[in-house]
Amino acid sequence: MRELLEVVAKALVSNPDAVAVNEVQGETSLILELKVGPEDMGKVIGKQGRVAKAIRTVMRAAAARDGRRVTVEIVEHS
C-alpha cells in the first residue's frame, strides 16, 4: 500500500525527493500520511480536491482487494 501511494505521489509532484509516506496501523484500518513539499501541495490536492479524491479512491480500491480499509491524509513537510 505504502509503495503504491509513493509511486502515485512521485509521479504528480515536481520534487519527488520530498515525498514521504508514514504508515499508522489502526485496529480496523490503515492510515497513510502523505507528506509533500509546500510547493507541491496544490498539485497533490488539485482543483477543488479532485486529485486528492482520485488518490484516495485508488488507494481504497487497492485496500478493498486485500480486504482492508485505508485512509489517506495529505500533510505538508515542515
C-alpha atoms as a PDB file:
ATOM      1  CA  MET A   1       0.000   0.000   0.000  1.00  0.00           C
ATOM      2  CA  ARG A   2       2.722   2.384   1.007  1.00  0.00           C
ATOM      3  CA  GLU A   3       4.688   1.771  -2.192  1.00  0.00           C
ATOM      4  CA  LEU A   4       1.632   2.372  -4.378  1.00  0.00           C
ATOM      5  CA  LEU A   5       0.948   5.726  -2.739  1.00  0.00           C
ATOM      6  CA  GLU A   6       4.610   6.741  -3.108  1.00  0.00           C
ATOM      7  CA  VAL A   7       4.654   5.902  -6.822  1.00  0.00           C
ATOM      8  CA  VAL A   8       1.442   7.839  -7.491  1.00  0.00           C
ATOM      9  CA  ALA A   9       2.573  10.874  -5.491  1.00  0.00           C
ATOM     10  CA  LYS A  10       6.070  10.991  -7.001  1.00  0.00           C
ATOM     11  CA  ALA A  11       4.540  10.987 -10.483  1.00  0.00           C
ATOM     12  CA  LEU A  12       2.490  14.086  -9.638  1.00  0.00           C
ATOM     13  CA  VAL A  13       4.985  16.352  -7.894  1.00  0.00           C
ATOM     14  CA  SER A  14       7.908  18.388  -9.215  1.00  0.00           C
ATOM     15  CA  ASN A  15      10.149  17.470  -6.249  1.00  0.00           C
ATOM     16  CA  PRO A  16       9.825  13.684  -5.782  1.00  0.00           C
ATOM     17  CA  ASP A  17      12.613  13.619  -3.179  1.00  0.00           C
ATOM     18  CA  ALA A  18      10.338  15.487  -0.755  1.00  0.00           C
ATOM     19  CA  VAL A  19       7.640  12.791  -0.891  1.00  0.00           C
ATOM     20  CA  ALA A  20       7.372  10.628   2.214  1.00  0.00           C
ATOM     21  CA  VAL A  21       4.695   8.199   3.351  1.00  0.00           C
ATOM     22  CA  ASN A  22       4.146   7.371   7.015  1.00  0.00           C
ATOM     23  CA  GLU A  23       2.098   4.278   7.832  1.00  0.00           C
ATOM     24  CA  VAL A  24      -0.013   4.130  11.012  1.00  0.00           C
ATOM     25  CA  GLN A  25      -1.687   0.810  11.753  1.00  0.00           C
ATOM     26  CA  GLY A  26      -5.077   1.097  13.418  1.00  0.00           C
ATOM     27  CA  GLU A  27      -7.353  -1.600  14.825  1.00  0.00           C
ATOM     28  CA  THR A  28      -9.565  -1.856  11.774  1.00  0.00           C
ATOM     29  CA  SER A  29      -7.859   0.343   9.224  1.00  0.00           C
ATOM     30  CA  LEU A  30      -4.568   1.629   7.901  1.00  0.00           C
ATOM     31  CA  ILE A  31      -3.772   5.350   7.888  1.00  0.00           C
ATOM     32  CA  LEU A  32      -1.276   6.598   5.315  1.00  0.00           C
ATOM     33  CA  GLU A  33       0.157  10.084   5.800  1.00  0.00           C
ATOM     34  CA  LEU A  34       1.408  11.515   2.520  1.00  0.00           C
ATOM     35  CA  LYS A  35       3.972  14.262   3.094  1.00  0.00           C
ATOM     36  CA  VAL A  36       4.931  16.534   0.203  1.00  0.00           C
ATOM     37  CA  GLY A  37       6.825  19.801  -0.090  1.00  0.00           C
ATOM     38  CA  PRO A  38       4.915  23.061   0.290  1.00  0.00           C
ATOM     39  CA  GLU A  39       5.347  23.892  -3.406  1.00  0.00           C
ATOM     40  CA  ASP A  40       3.657  20.614  -4.400  1.00  0.00           C
ATOM     41  CA  MET A  41       0.595  20.747  -2.139  1.00  0.00           C
ATOM     42  CA  GLY A  42      -1.559  22.239  -4.904  1.00  0.00           C
ATOM     43  CA  LYS A  43      -0.526  19.558  -7.371  1.00  0.00           C
ATOM     44  CA  VAL A  44      -1.426  16.745  -4.987  1.00  0.00           C
ATOM     45  CA  ILE A  45      -4.719  18.288  -3.891  1.00  0.00           C
ATOM     46  CA  GLY A  46      -5.832  19.599  -7.296  1.00  0.00           C
ATOM     47  CA  LYS A  47      -8.658  21.952  -8.148  1.00  0.00           C
ATOM     48  CA  GLN A  48     -11.466  21.538  -5.625  1.00  0.00           C
ATOM     49  CA  GLY A  49      -9.658  18.475  -4.239  1.00  0.00           C
ATOM     50  CA  ARG A  50     -10.196  16.339  -7.342  1.00  0.00           C
ATOM     51  CA  VAL A  51      -6.674  14.863  -7.446  1.00  0.00           C
ATOM     52  CA  ALA A  52      -6.717  14.101  -3.710  1.00  0.00           C
ATOM     53  CA  LYS A  53     -10.113  12.421  -4.095  1.00  0.00           C
ATOM     54  CA  ALA A  54      -8.792  10.332  -7.007  1.00  0.00           C
ATOM     55  CA  ILE A  55      -5.738   9.260  -4.984  1.00  0.00           C
ATOM     56  CA  ARG A  56      -7.980   8.232  -2.089  1.00  0.00           C
ATOM     57  CA  THR A  57     -10.270   6.295  -4.444  1.00  0.00           C
ATOM     58  CA  VAL A  58      -7.356   4.343  -5.949  1.00  0.00           C
ATOM     59  CA  MET A  59      -5.973   3.539  -2.506  1.00  0.00           C
ATOM     60  CA  ARG A  60      -9.389   2.434  -1.232  1.00  0.00           C
ATOM     61  CA  ALA A  61      -9.826   0.133  -4.234  1.00  0.00           C
ATOM     62  CA  ALA A  62      -6.380  -1.415  -3.693  1.00  0.00           C
ATOM     63  CA  ALA A  63      -7.120  -1.912   0.013  1.00  0.00           C
ATOM     64  CA  ALA A  64     -10.523  -3.454  -0.690  1.00  0.00           C
ATOM     65  CA  ARG A  65      -8.817  -6.039  -2.872  1.00  0.00           C
ATOM     66  CA  ASP A  66      -6.881  -7.114   0.246  1.00  0.00           C
ATOM     67  CA  GLY A  67      -9.989  -6.900   2.433  1.00  0.00           C
ATOM     68  CA  ARG A  68      -8.683  -3.863   4.340  1.00  0.00           C
ATOM     69  CA  ARG A  69      -9.654  -0.228   4.868  1.00  0.00           C
ATOM     70  CA  VAL A  70      -7.275   2.655   4.229  1.00  0.00           C
ATOM     71  CA  THR A  71      -7.351   6.385   4.896  1.00  0.00           C
ATOM     72  CA  VAL A  72      -5.030   8.815   3.126  1.00  0.00           C
ATOM     73  CA  GLU A  73      -4.104  12.083   4.820  1.00  0.00           C
ATOM     74  CA  ILE A  74      -2.108  14.713   2.955  1.00  0.00           C
ATOM     75  CA  VAL A  75       0.215  16.834   5.083  1.00  0.00           C
ATOM     76  CA  GLU A  76       2.855  19.421   4.309  1.00  0.00           C
ATOM     77  CA  HIS A  77       6.514  18.731   5.062  1.00  0.00           C
ATOM     78  CA  SER A  78       7.733  21.002   7.833  1.00  0.00           C
END
